[in-house]
N, C-alpha and C. Protein backbone atom coordinates (compact mmCIF):
# COMPACT_ATOMS: atom_id res chain seq x y z
N MET A 1 -89.93 129.06 4.42
CA MET A 1 -88.96 128.87 5.50
C MET A 1 -89.67 128.36 6.75
N GLU A 2 -89.07 127.40 7.41
CA GLU A 2 -89.68 126.83 8.61
C GLU A 2 -89.50 127.78 9.78
N THR A 3 -90.56 128.02 10.53
CA THR A 3 -90.49 128.92 11.67
C THR A 3 -89.85 128.22 12.85
N LYS A 4 -89.41 129.04 13.82
CA LYS A 4 -88.79 128.48 15.02
C LYS A 4 -89.79 127.63 15.79
N ARG A 5 -91.04 128.04 15.75
CA ARG A 5 -92.07 127.27 16.47
C ARG A 5 -92.21 125.88 15.87
N ARG A 6 -92.21 125.81 14.53
CA ARG A 6 -92.34 124.52 13.87
C ARG A 6 -91.09 123.69 14.05
N GLN A 7 -89.94 124.33 14.21
CA GLN A 7 -88.69 123.59 14.40
C GLN A 7 -88.72 122.76 15.68
N LEU A 8 -89.49 123.22 16.68
CA LEU A 8 -89.60 122.48 17.92
C LEU A 8 -90.27 121.11 17.68
N LEU A 9 -91.07 121.03 16.62
CA LEU A 9 -91.79 119.80 16.33
C LEU A 9 -91.03 118.93 15.34
N ASN A 10 -89.91 119.41 14.88
CA ASN A 10 -89.15 118.70 13.85
C ASN A 10 -87.73 118.47 14.35
N ARG A 11 -87.47 117.34 14.94
CA ARG A 11 -86.16 117.06 15.49
C ARG A 11 -85.80 115.61 15.25
N PRO A 12 -84.53 115.29 15.22
CA PRO A 12 -84.13 113.90 14.96
C PRO A 12 -84.54 112.98 16.11
N GLY A 13 -84.72 111.73 15.79
CA GLY A 13 -85.04 110.74 16.82
C GLY A 13 -86.53 110.61 17.05
N THR A 14 -87.07 111.45 17.94
CA THR A 14 -88.47 111.28 18.36
C THR A 14 -89.47 111.92 17.43
N ALA A 15 -89.04 112.81 16.53
CA ALA A 15 -90.03 113.49 15.67
C ALA A 15 -89.51 113.64 14.25
N ARG A 16 -89.04 112.55 13.71
CA ARG A 16 -88.55 112.60 12.33
C ARG A 16 -89.69 112.53 11.32
N TYR A 17 -90.80 111.97 11.76
CA TYR A 17 -91.91 111.73 10.85
C TYR A 17 -93.17 112.50 11.32
N PRO A 18 -94.13 112.70 10.42
CA PRO A 18 -95.33 113.48 10.77
C PRO A 18 -96.03 113.02 12.03
N LYS A 19 -96.12 111.71 12.24
CA LYS A 19 -96.82 111.22 13.42
C LYS A 19 -96.15 111.67 14.70
N GLY A 20 -94.81 111.66 14.71
CA GLY A 20 -94.07 112.12 15.88
C GLY A 20 -94.26 113.60 16.13
N LYS A 21 -94.29 114.39 15.06
CA LYS A 21 -94.50 115.83 15.18
C LYS A 21 -95.89 116.12 15.74
N GLU A 22 -96.87 115.36 15.27
CA GLU A 22 -98.23 115.55 15.76
C GLU A 22 -98.32 115.24 17.25
N ARG A 23 -97.62 114.20 17.68
CA ARG A 23 -97.65 113.84 19.10
C ARG A 23 -96.99 114.91 19.96
N ILE A 24 -95.89 115.45 19.48
CA ILE A 24 -95.20 116.49 20.24
C ILE A 24 -96.09 117.72 20.36
N GLU A 25 -96.75 118.11 19.26
CA GLU A 25 -97.63 119.27 19.31
C GLU A 25 -98.80 119.01 20.27
N LYS A 26 -99.31 117.80 20.27
CA LYS A 26 -100.41 117.45 21.18
C LYS A 26 -99.93 117.52 22.63
N ILE A 27 -98.72 117.05 22.88
CA ILE A 27 -98.14 117.10 24.23
C ILE A 27 -97.95 118.55 24.68
N LEU A 28 -97.41 119.39 23.79
CA LEU A 28 -97.16 120.78 24.14
C LEU A 28 -98.46 121.53 24.40
N ASN A 29 -99.49 121.24 23.62
CA ASN A 29 -100.78 121.89 23.85
C ASN A 29 -101.40 121.43 25.16
N ALA A 30 -101.22 120.15 25.49
CA ALA A 30 -101.72 119.65 26.77
C ALA A 30 -100.95 120.29 27.92
N ALA A 31 -99.63 120.42 27.76
CA ALA A 31 -98.80 121.05 28.80
C ALA A 31 -99.20 122.50 29.00
N LYS A 32 -99.51 123.18 27.89
CA LYS A 32 -99.96 124.58 27.98
C LYS A 32 -101.25 124.67 28.80
N ASP A 33 -102.20 123.78 28.52
CA ASP A 33 -103.47 123.80 29.24
C ASP A 33 -103.26 123.54 30.73
N VAL A 34 -102.38 122.61 31.06
CA VAL A 34 -102.10 122.30 32.47
C VAL A 34 -101.42 123.49 33.13
N PHE A 35 -100.45 124.08 32.45
CA PHE A 35 -99.70 125.20 33.02
C PHE A 35 -100.63 126.38 33.29
N VAL A 36 -101.57 126.61 32.38
CA VAL A 36 -102.49 127.74 32.51
C VAL A 36 -103.52 127.50 33.62
N THR A 37 -104.03 126.28 33.72
CA THR A 37 -105.11 126.00 34.67
C THR A 37 -104.62 125.61 36.06
N LYS A 38 -103.44 124.96 36.11
CA LYS A 38 -102.96 124.46 37.40
C LYS A 38 -101.67 125.12 37.86
N GLY A 39 -101.05 125.96 37.00
CA GLY A 39 -99.80 126.60 37.37
C GLY A 39 -98.62 125.65 37.25
N TYR A 40 -97.43 126.18 37.55
CA TYR A 40 -96.22 125.37 37.42
C TYR A 40 -96.26 124.15 38.33
N GLY A 41 -96.80 124.32 39.53
CA GLY A 41 -96.86 123.21 40.48
C GLY A 41 -97.69 122.05 39.96
N GLY A 42 -98.68 122.36 39.11
CA GLY A 42 -99.53 121.31 38.57
C GLY A 42 -99.01 120.71 37.28
N LEU A 43 -97.88 121.25 36.80
CA LEU A 43 -97.31 120.75 35.54
C LEU A 43 -96.51 119.47 35.82
N THR A 44 -97.23 118.41 36.07
CA THR A 44 -96.60 117.11 36.32
C THR A 44 -96.69 116.26 35.06
N MET A 45 -95.81 115.29 34.97
CA MET A 45 -95.82 114.40 33.81
C MET A 45 -97.15 113.65 33.74
N ARG A 46 -97.69 113.30 34.89
CA ARG A 46 -98.96 112.57 34.91
C ARG A 46 -100.10 113.44 34.37
N ASN A 47 -100.16 114.70 34.80
CA ASN A 47 -101.22 115.59 34.34
C ASN A 47 -101.12 115.87 32.84
N VAL A 48 -99.89 116.06 32.37
CA VAL A 48 -99.70 116.33 30.94
C VAL A 48 -100.06 115.11 30.12
N ALA A 49 -99.63 113.94 30.57
CA ALA A 49 -99.95 112.71 29.85
C ALA A 49 -101.45 112.51 29.75
N ALA A 50 -102.16 112.77 30.86
CA ALA A 50 -103.63 112.63 30.85
C ALA A 50 -104.25 113.61 29.86
N GLY A 51 -103.75 114.85 29.84
CA GLY A 51 -104.28 115.85 28.92
C GLY A 51 -104.01 115.52 27.47
N ALA A 52 -102.88 114.85 27.21
CA ALA A 52 -102.51 114.48 25.84
C ALA A 52 -103.11 113.16 25.42
N GLY A 53 -103.80 112.48 26.35
CA GLY A 53 -104.41 111.20 26.03
C GLY A 53 -103.39 110.10 25.81
N THR A 54 -102.32 110.12 26.61
CA THR A 54 -101.29 109.10 26.47
C THR A 54 -100.83 108.65 27.85
N THR A 55 -99.86 107.78 27.90
CA THR A 55 -99.33 107.29 29.17
C THR A 55 -98.09 108.09 29.56
N VAL A 56 -97.73 108.04 30.83
CA VAL A 56 -96.51 108.71 31.29
C VAL A 56 -95.30 108.12 30.57
N GLY A 57 -95.30 106.81 30.39
CA GLY A 57 -94.18 106.16 29.71
C GLY A 57 -94.02 106.66 28.29
N ASN A 58 -95.12 106.80 27.57
CA ASN A 58 -95.06 107.30 26.20
C ASN A 58 -94.63 108.76 26.17
N LEU A 59 -95.13 109.54 27.13
CA LEU A 59 -94.73 110.95 27.23
C LEU A 59 -93.22 111.07 27.44
N GLN A 60 -92.66 110.20 28.29
CA GLN A 60 -91.24 110.27 28.58
C GLN A 60 -90.37 109.84 27.41
N TYR A 61 -90.95 109.19 26.42
CA TYR A 61 -90.21 108.88 25.20
C TYR A 61 -89.86 110.18 24.48
N TYR A 62 -90.79 111.13 24.53
CA TYR A 62 -90.57 112.42 23.88
C TYR A 62 -89.91 113.42 24.84
N TYR A 63 -90.29 113.38 26.09
CA TYR A 63 -89.75 114.29 27.11
C TYR A 63 -89.38 113.49 28.35
N PRO A 64 -88.11 113.14 28.49
CA PRO A 64 -87.68 112.32 29.63
C PRO A 64 -87.93 112.95 30.99
N ASP A 65 -87.97 114.29 31.04
CA ASP A 65 -88.19 114.94 32.34
C ASP A 65 -88.96 116.24 32.16
N LYS A 66 -89.41 116.75 33.28
CA LYS A 66 -90.25 117.95 33.29
C LYS A 66 -89.50 119.18 32.78
N ASP A 67 -88.21 119.30 33.08
CA ASP A 67 -87.44 120.47 32.67
C ASP A 67 -87.38 120.60 31.15
N ARG A 68 -87.19 119.48 30.47
CA ARG A 68 -87.13 119.53 29.00
C ARG A 68 -88.49 119.88 28.43
N LEU A 69 -89.53 119.35 29.04
CA LEU A 69 -90.89 119.66 28.59
C LEU A 69 -91.18 121.15 28.79
N LEU A 70 -90.82 121.68 29.94
CA LEU A 70 -91.07 123.09 30.23
C LEU A 70 -90.31 123.98 29.25
N ARG A 71 -89.09 123.64 28.95
CA ARG A 71 -88.28 124.44 28.03
C ARG A 71 -88.95 124.55 26.66
N ASP A 72 -89.39 123.41 26.13
CA ASP A 72 -90.04 123.43 24.82
C ASP A 72 -91.40 124.12 24.88
N LEU A 73 -92.11 123.95 25.99
CA LEU A 73 -93.41 124.59 26.13
C LEU A 73 -93.26 126.11 26.08
N LEU A 74 -92.32 126.65 26.83
CA LEU A 74 -92.12 128.09 26.87
C LEU A 74 -91.72 128.62 25.50
N GLN A 75 -90.82 127.92 24.84
CA GLN A 75 -90.40 128.35 23.51
C GLN A 75 -91.55 128.26 22.51
N TYR A 76 -92.35 127.23 22.62
CA TYR A 76 -93.50 127.03 21.73
C TYR A 76 -94.48 128.19 21.85
N MET A 77 -94.75 128.62 23.06
CA MET A 77 -95.68 129.71 23.28
C MET A 77 -95.08 131.05 22.88
N VAL A 78 -93.86 131.28 23.28
CA VAL A 78 -93.21 132.57 23.04
C VAL A 78 -93.01 132.84 21.55
N HIS A 79 -92.57 131.82 20.81
CA HIS A 79 -92.28 132.04 19.40
C HIS A 79 -93.54 132.29 18.57
N GLY A 80 -94.69 131.89 19.11
CA GLY A 80 -95.93 132.22 18.43
C GLY A 80 -96.13 133.73 18.36
N PHE A 81 -95.80 134.43 19.45
CA PHE A 81 -95.86 135.88 19.47
C PHE A 81 -94.82 136.48 18.53
N PHE A 82 -93.59 135.94 18.58
CA PHE A 82 -92.52 136.49 17.74
C PHE A 82 -92.88 136.45 16.27
N GLU A 83 -93.51 135.36 15.86
CA GLU A 83 -93.87 135.24 14.45
C GLU A 83 -94.91 136.29 14.06
N SER A 84 -95.81 136.62 14.99
CA SER A 84 -96.79 137.67 14.73
C SER A 84 -96.11 139.03 14.62
N PHE A 85 -95.15 139.29 15.52
CA PHE A 85 -94.43 140.56 15.49
C PHE A 85 -93.64 140.71 14.20
N THR A 86 -92.96 139.65 13.80
CA THR A 86 -92.15 139.69 12.57
C THR A 86 -93.03 139.93 11.36
N SER A 87 -94.19 139.30 11.34
CA SER A 87 -95.12 139.47 10.22
C SER A 87 -95.57 140.92 10.12
N ILE A 88 -95.82 141.54 11.27
CA ILE A 88 -96.22 142.95 11.29
C ILE A 88 -95.10 143.83 10.75
N PHE A 89 -93.89 143.60 11.23
CA PHE A 89 -92.76 144.43 10.84
C PHE A 89 -92.45 144.31 9.34
N GLN A 90 -92.65 143.13 8.79
CA GLN A 90 -92.28 142.89 7.39
C GLN A 90 -93.41 143.21 6.41
N ASN A 91 -94.54 143.67 6.92
CA ASN A 91 -95.67 143.97 6.05
C ASN A 91 -95.40 145.26 5.26
N PRO A 92 -95.20 145.17 3.95
CA PRO A 92 -94.85 146.36 3.15
C PRO A 92 -96.02 147.32 2.94
N ARG A 93 -97.23 146.88 3.26
CA ARG A 93 -98.41 147.71 3.03
C ARG A 93 -98.74 148.63 4.21
N LYS A 94 -98.02 148.45 5.30
CA LYS A 94 -98.27 149.27 6.49
C LYS A 94 -97.22 150.36 6.64
N THR A 95 -97.65 151.53 7.08
CA THR A 95 -96.71 152.58 7.44
C THR A 95 -96.08 152.21 8.79
N ALA A 96 -95.04 152.92 9.17
CA ALA A 96 -94.37 152.63 10.44
C ALA A 96 -95.34 152.80 11.61
N GLU A 97 -96.15 153.84 11.57
CA GLU A 97 -97.09 154.06 12.68
C GLU A 97 -98.17 152.98 12.70
N GLU A 98 -98.59 152.54 11.55
CA GLU A 98 -99.57 151.44 11.48
C GLU A 98 -98.97 150.16 12.03
N LYS A 99 -97.69 149.96 11.83
CA LYS A 99 -97.01 148.78 12.38
C LYS A 99 -97.01 148.83 13.90
N LEU A 100 -96.74 150.02 14.46
CA LEU A 100 -96.74 150.14 15.92
C LEU A 100 -98.13 149.87 16.48
N VAL A 101 -99.15 150.41 15.83
CA VAL A 101 -100.52 150.17 16.26
C VAL A 101 -100.84 148.67 16.20
N ALA A 102 -100.43 148.00 15.12
CA ALA A 102 -100.68 146.56 14.97
C ALA A 102 -99.91 145.78 16.03
N TRP A 103 -98.71 146.21 16.34
CA TRP A 103 -97.88 145.54 17.36
C TRP A 103 -98.57 145.62 18.72
N ILE A 104 -99.07 146.80 19.05
CA ILE A 104 -99.78 146.99 20.32
C ILE A 104 -101.08 146.18 20.33
N ASP A 105 -101.79 146.21 19.20
CA ASP A 105 -103.03 145.43 19.09
C ASP A 105 -102.78 143.95 19.34
N CYS A 106 -101.65 143.45 18.84
CA CYS A 106 -101.32 142.04 18.98
C CYS A 106 -101.28 141.63 20.45
N ILE A 107 -100.73 142.50 21.28
CA ILE A 107 -100.65 142.20 22.72
C ILE A 107 -102.02 142.35 23.38
N PHE A 108 -102.71 143.43 23.06
CA PHE A 108 -104.04 143.63 23.65
C PHE A 108 -105.00 142.50 23.27
N ASP A 109 -104.89 142.03 22.04
CA ASP A 109 -105.78 140.96 21.59
C ASP A 109 -105.59 139.67 22.38
N ALA A 110 -104.41 139.51 22.98
CA ALA A 110 -104.13 138.29 23.74
C ALA A 110 -104.72 138.34 25.15
N PHE A 111 -105.01 139.53 25.65
CA PHE A 111 -105.49 139.67 27.03
C PHE A 111 -106.72 138.81 27.34
N PRO A 112 -107.76 138.84 26.49
CA PRO A 112 -108.98 138.09 26.85
C PRO A 112 -108.94 136.61 26.50
N ILE A 113 -107.86 136.15 25.87
CA ILE A 113 -107.75 134.74 25.50
C ILE A 113 -107.18 133.97 26.69
N GLU A 114 -107.86 132.95 27.14
CA GLU A 114 -107.48 132.29 28.39
C GLU A 114 -106.06 131.77 28.38
N ASP A 115 -105.67 131.02 27.33
CA ASP A 115 -104.35 130.41 27.38
C ASP A 115 -103.24 131.47 27.33
N LYS A 116 -103.43 132.55 26.58
CA LYS A 116 -102.41 133.60 26.52
C LYS A 116 -102.51 134.55 27.71
N GLY A 117 -103.73 134.93 28.06
CA GLY A 117 -103.94 135.85 29.16
C GLY A 117 -103.48 135.32 30.50
N LYS A 118 -103.48 133.99 30.66
CA LYS A 118 -103.02 133.39 31.90
C LYS A 118 -101.59 132.86 31.81
N PHE A 119 -101.18 132.49 30.61
CA PHE A 119 -99.86 131.86 30.45
C PHE A 119 -98.73 132.78 30.85
N TYR A 120 -98.76 134.00 30.37
CA TYR A 120 -97.62 134.88 30.59
C TYR A 120 -97.48 135.34 32.05
N PRO A 121 -98.56 135.64 32.78
CA PRO A 121 -98.40 135.91 34.20
C PRO A 121 -97.80 134.71 34.95
N GLU A 122 -98.19 133.50 34.56
CA GLU A 122 -97.61 132.31 35.18
C GLU A 122 -96.11 132.22 34.87
N LEU A 123 -95.75 132.57 33.64
CA LEU A 123 -94.34 132.55 33.25
C LEU A 123 -93.54 133.58 34.03
N TRP A 124 -94.10 134.77 34.20
CA TRP A 124 -93.39 135.80 34.97
C TRP A 124 -93.17 135.34 36.40
N ALA A 125 -94.19 134.73 37.00
CA ALA A 125 -94.06 134.24 38.36
C ALA A 125 -93.00 133.15 38.45
N LEU A 126 -93.00 132.25 37.47
CA LEU A 126 -92.01 131.17 37.46
C LEU A 126 -90.60 131.72 37.32
N ALA A 127 -90.44 132.75 36.50
CA ALA A 127 -89.12 133.32 36.25
C ALA A 127 -88.50 133.92 37.51
N ASN A 128 -89.34 134.24 38.49
CA ASN A 128 -88.82 134.82 39.74
C ASN A 128 -88.02 133.82 40.56
N HIS A 129 -88.25 132.52 40.34
CA HIS A 129 -87.54 131.54 41.15
C HIS A 129 -87.00 130.36 40.35
N ASP A 130 -87.02 130.47 39.03
CA ASP A 130 -86.48 129.40 38.19
C ASP A 130 -85.51 130.02 37.19
N ALA A 131 -84.23 129.64 37.28
CA ALA A 131 -83.18 130.24 36.46
C ALA A 131 -83.41 130.02 34.97
N ALA A 132 -83.87 128.81 34.60
CA ALA A 132 -84.09 128.50 33.18
C ALA A 132 -85.21 129.36 32.62
N ALA A 133 -86.28 129.52 33.39
CA ALA A 133 -87.40 130.36 32.94
C ALA A 133 -86.98 131.82 32.86
N ALA A 134 -86.17 132.26 33.82
CA ALA A 134 -85.69 133.64 33.81
C ALA A 134 -84.83 133.91 32.58
N LYS A 135 -83.98 132.94 32.23
CA LYS A 135 -83.12 133.11 31.04
C LYS A 135 -83.98 133.16 29.78
N LEU A 136 -84.98 132.31 29.71
CA LEU A 136 -85.86 132.31 28.55
C LEU A 136 -86.60 133.64 28.45
N MET A 137 -87.02 134.18 29.59
CA MET A 137 -87.69 135.48 29.59
C MET A 137 -86.77 136.55 29.04
N GLU A 138 -85.51 136.54 29.47
CA GLU A 138 -84.54 137.52 28.98
C GLU A 138 -84.38 137.41 27.46
N ASP A 139 -84.24 136.17 26.99
CA ASP A 139 -84.08 135.95 25.55
C ASP A 139 -85.34 136.38 24.80
N MET A 140 -86.49 136.10 25.40
CA MET A 140 -87.76 136.44 24.77
C MET A 140 -87.88 137.94 24.58
N TYR A 141 -87.58 138.69 25.63
CA TYR A 141 -87.69 140.14 25.53
C TYR A 141 -86.63 140.73 24.59
N GLU A 142 -85.45 140.14 24.61
CA GLU A 142 -84.39 140.62 23.72
C GLU A 142 -84.81 140.48 22.26
N GLU A 143 -85.37 139.32 21.94
CA GLU A 143 -85.80 139.07 20.57
C GLU A 143 -87.06 139.85 20.22
N GLY A 144 -88.00 139.88 21.14
CA GLY A 144 -89.25 140.59 20.91
C GLY A 144 -89.05 142.10 20.78
N MET A 145 -88.11 142.63 21.56
CA MET A 145 -87.82 144.07 21.52
C MET A 145 -87.20 144.48 20.19
N PHE A 146 -86.52 143.56 19.53
CA PHE A 146 -85.81 143.91 18.31
C PHE A 146 -86.75 144.48 17.26
N THR A 147 -87.87 143.78 17.02
CA THR A 147 -88.81 144.26 16.01
C THR A 147 -89.44 145.58 16.43
N LEU A 148 -89.74 145.71 17.71
CA LEU A 148 -90.33 146.96 18.19
C LEU A 148 -89.35 148.11 18.02
N GLN A 149 -88.09 147.88 18.31
CA GLN A 149 -87.08 148.93 18.16
C GLN A 149 -86.96 149.38 16.71
N GLN A 150 -87.06 148.42 15.79
CA GLN A 150 -86.99 148.78 14.37
C GLN A 150 -88.17 149.66 13.97
N ILE A 151 -89.33 149.35 14.52
CA ILE A 151 -90.52 150.15 14.22
C ILE A 151 -90.38 151.55 14.80
N VAL A 152 -89.91 151.63 16.03
CA VAL A 152 -89.72 152.93 16.70
C VAL A 152 -88.76 153.80 15.89
N LEU A 153 -87.65 153.22 15.47
CA LEU A 153 -86.67 153.97 14.70
C LEU A 153 -87.20 154.38 13.34
N GLU A 154 -88.05 153.54 12.76
CA GLU A 154 -88.65 153.86 11.46
C GLU A 154 -89.57 155.07 11.59
N ILE A 155 -90.28 155.15 12.71
CA ILE A 155 -91.18 156.29 12.94
C ILE A 155 -90.39 157.56 13.21
N ASN A 156 -89.35 157.44 14.04
CA ASN A 156 -88.59 158.61 14.46
C ASN A 156 -87.09 158.34 14.33
N PRO A 157 -86.52 158.56 13.16
CA PRO A 157 -85.10 158.29 12.94
C PRO A 157 -84.17 159.27 13.66
N ARG A 158 -84.74 160.29 14.31
CA ARG A 158 -83.92 161.24 15.06
C ARG A 158 -83.45 160.66 16.39
N LEU A 159 -84.09 159.59 16.83
CA LEU A 159 -83.77 159.00 18.14
C LEU A 159 -82.40 158.33 18.11
N SER A 160 -81.70 158.41 19.24
CA SER A 160 -80.44 157.69 19.38
C SER A 160 -80.72 156.22 19.66
N LYS A 161 -79.69 155.41 19.57
CA LYS A 161 -79.85 153.98 19.85
C LYS A 161 -80.34 153.76 21.28
N ARG A 162 -79.80 154.52 22.22
CA ARG A 162 -80.21 154.40 23.62
C ARG A 162 -81.66 154.80 23.80
N GLU A 163 -82.06 155.89 23.14
CA GLU A 163 -83.44 156.34 23.25
C GLU A 163 -84.41 155.32 22.68
N VAL A 164 -84.04 154.71 21.57
CA VAL A 164 -84.90 153.69 20.96
C VAL A 164 -85.11 152.54 21.94
N LYS A 165 -84.04 152.06 22.56
CA LYS A 165 -84.15 150.95 23.51
C LYS A 165 -85.00 151.32 24.72
N ASP A 166 -84.78 152.53 25.24
CA ASP A 166 -85.52 152.96 26.43
C ASP A 166 -87.00 153.14 26.12
N ILE A 167 -87.31 153.67 24.94
CA ILE A 167 -88.71 153.85 24.56
C ILE A 167 -89.38 152.49 24.37
N ALA A 168 -88.67 151.54 23.77
CA ALA A 168 -89.23 150.20 23.58
C ALA A 168 -89.56 149.55 24.92
N VAL A 169 -88.65 149.70 25.89
CA VAL A 169 -88.89 149.14 27.22
C VAL A 169 -90.11 149.81 27.85
N THR A 170 -90.22 151.11 27.70
CA THR A 170 -91.36 151.85 28.25
C THR A 170 -92.68 151.37 27.67
N ILE A 171 -92.69 151.15 26.36
CA ILE A 171 -93.92 150.69 25.69
C ILE A 171 -94.31 149.30 26.18
N VAL A 172 -93.35 148.38 26.16
CA VAL A 172 -93.66 147.00 26.57
C VAL A 172 -94.08 146.95 28.03
N GLY A 173 -93.34 147.65 28.89
CA GLY A 173 -93.66 147.63 30.32
C GLY A 173 -95.03 148.21 30.61
N SER A 174 -95.37 149.30 29.93
CA SER A 174 -96.66 149.95 30.19
C SER A 174 -97.82 149.09 29.72
N ILE A 175 -97.63 148.34 28.63
CA ILE A 175 -98.72 147.50 28.12
C ILE A 175 -98.84 146.20 28.93
N GLU A 176 -97.72 145.54 29.16
CA GLU A 176 -97.79 144.25 29.86
C GLU A 176 -98.26 144.42 31.30
N GLY A 177 -97.97 145.57 31.89
CA GLY A 177 -98.45 145.81 33.25
C GLY A 177 -99.97 145.85 33.33
N LEU A 178 -100.61 146.10 32.21
CA LEU A 178 -102.07 146.18 32.17
C LEU A 178 -102.75 144.83 32.30
N VAL A 179 -101.98 143.75 32.09
CA VAL A 179 -102.60 142.43 32.16
C VAL A 179 -103.17 142.16 33.54
N VAL A 180 -102.61 142.81 34.57
CA VAL A 180 -103.12 142.66 35.94
C VAL A 180 -104.56 143.15 36.03
N PHE A 181 -104.89 144.16 35.22
CA PHE A 181 -106.22 144.75 35.26
C PHE A 181 -107.13 144.25 34.14
N LEU A 182 -106.54 143.96 32.97
CA LEU A 182 -107.35 143.65 31.79
C LEU A 182 -107.23 142.21 31.32
N GLY A 183 -106.44 141.39 32.00
CA GLY A 183 -106.24 140.01 31.58
C GLY A 183 -107.49 139.16 31.69
N TYR A 184 -107.36 137.93 31.28
CA TYR A 184 -108.50 137.01 31.24
C TYR A 184 -109.19 136.92 32.60
N GLY A 185 -110.50 137.18 32.60
CA GLY A 185 -111.29 137.04 33.81
C GLY A 185 -111.16 138.19 34.79
N ARG A 186 -110.40 139.23 34.45
CA ARG A 186 -110.23 140.36 35.36
C ARG A 186 -111.46 141.27 35.31
N PRO A 187 -111.86 141.84 36.47
CA PRO A 187 -113.08 142.64 36.50
C PRO A 187 -113.01 143.95 35.72
N TRP A 188 -111.80 144.42 35.39
CA TRP A 188 -111.66 145.68 34.66
C TRP A 188 -111.64 145.47 33.15
N ALA A 189 -111.84 144.24 32.70
CA ALA A 189 -111.73 143.93 31.28
C ALA A 189 -112.67 144.78 30.41
N LYS A 190 -113.78 145.23 30.99
CA LYS A 190 -114.72 146.04 30.23
C LYS A 190 -114.11 147.38 29.81
N SER A 191 -113.00 147.77 30.44
CA SER A 191 -112.33 149.02 30.10
C SER A 191 -111.27 148.84 29.02
N THR A 192 -111.13 147.63 28.49
CA THR A 192 -110.05 147.33 27.55
C THR A 192 -110.06 148.26 26.33
N GLY A 193 -111.23 148.50 25.76
CA GLY A 193 -111.30 149.34 24.57
C GLY A 193 -110.76 150.74 24.80
N ALA A 194 -111.20 151.35 25.88
CA ALA A 194 -110.76 152.71 26.19
C ALA A 194 -109.27 152.74 26.52
N VAL A 195 -108.83 151.79 27.33
CA VAL A 195 -107.42 151.75 27.71
C VAL A 195 -106.54 151.50 26.49
N ARG A 196 -107.01 150.69 25.58
CA ARG A 196 -106.26 150.44 24.35
C ARG A 196 -106.08 151.75 23.57
N ARG A 197 -107.14 152.53 23.45
CA ARG A 197 -107.05 153.80 22.72
C ARG A 197 -106.09 154.76 23.40
N TYR A 198 -106.17 154.85 24.73
CA TYR A 198 -105.25 155.73 25.45
C TYR A 198 -103.81 155.28 25.25
N THR A 199 -103.62 153.98 25.29
CA THR A 199 -102.27 153.43 25.15
C THR A 199 -101.71 153.73 23.76
N MET A 200 -102.54 153.54 22.74
CA MET A 200 -102.10 153.85 21.37
C MET A 200 -101.65 155.30 21.27
N HIS A 201 -102.48 156.20 21.80
CA HIS A 201 -102.18 157.63 21.73
C HIS A 201 -100.87 157.94 22.45
N ASN A 202 -100.73 157.41 23.65
CA ASN A 202 -99.53 157.71 24.45
C ASN A 202 -98.27 157.15 23.81
N CYS A 203 -98.35 155.93 23.29
CA CYS A 203 -97.17 155.30 22.69
C CYS A 203 -96.75 156.01 21.40
N LEU A 204 -97.72 156.36 20.57
CA LEU A 204 -97.40 157.09 19.35
C LEU A 204 -96.79 158.45 19.67
N ASN A 205 -97.33 159.13 20.66
CA ASN A 205 -96.80 160.42 21.05
C ASN A 205 -95.37 160.29 21.60
N LEU A 206 -95.14 159.25 22.37
CA LEU A 206 -93.81 159.01 22.92
C LEU A 206 -92.79 158.79 21.82
N VAL A 207 -93.15 157.97 20.85
CA VAL A 207 -92.20 157.67 19.77
C VAL A 207 -91.97 158.89 18.88
N ARG A 208 -93.03 159.60 18.57
CA ARG A 208 -92.89 160.77 17.70
C ARG A 208 -92.03 161.87 18.33
N ASN A 209 -92.11 161.99 19.66
CA ASN A 209 -91.46 163.12 20.34
C ASN A 209 -90.45 162.69 21.39
N GLY A 210 -89.99 161.45 21.30
CA GLY A 210 -89.13 160.91 22.34
C GLY A 210 -87.90 161.72 22.65
N GLU A 211 -87.28 162.30 21.63
CA GLU A 211 -86.04 163.04 21.86
C GLU A 211 -86.28 164.32 22.66
N ARG A 212 -87.54 164.77 22.73
CA ARG A 212 -87.85 165.99 23.47
C ARG A 212 -87.89 165.75 24.99
N PHE A 213 -87.94 164.48 25.37
CA PHE A 213 -88.09 164.17 26.78
C PHE A 213 -86.74 163.98 27.48
N LYS A 214 -85.67 164.34 26.80
CA LYS A 214 -84.35 164.25 27.42
C LYS A 214 -84.26 165.23 28.59
N ARG A 215 -83.46 164.89 29.53
CA ARG A 215 -83.24 165.80 30.65
C ARG A 215 -82.37 166.96 30.18
């Protein structure tokens, strides 16, 4: 089955054939590099074209404007994470608790990687003042939370639907907030191993005993 990420490279008109798909992937990777190194303000058609080794005119054949390029770029990056989460959830060889540990590891593993460690903070900043980015963020978390909620419920079926959602939000918020301290190039990165262990312990404890924390 074709993944959502690959579907971005397979569309009528500009990417019906392998060469077109390759060009789109090259453009999106160049756009990612520009977005990470120069921020949204530096994401110009000229900078992306230079990074992709093409002309602005050729770039506009695939992406007539910056908004369309940004939309596909965000989806291209986000769905890469979703595919990892889905793979973890569908792994029949892992217990529910092992799935949660793998899910958390997936996020921690992205912290020291430059394109991932910088991309998502830039996306959060952009979402504060760009409606399209904000909507994509909402959709991203809605979809990403789904697999986590299934894992949480698998570990502790005593939880109510509301408790499952609230615990999932708590887990995601507590981990993603750490990127400020442990992200790419951050001076606290040397503490990543210890913080990861503490986080695993706290999240597992929360899921196992979540219903006890009711008021």
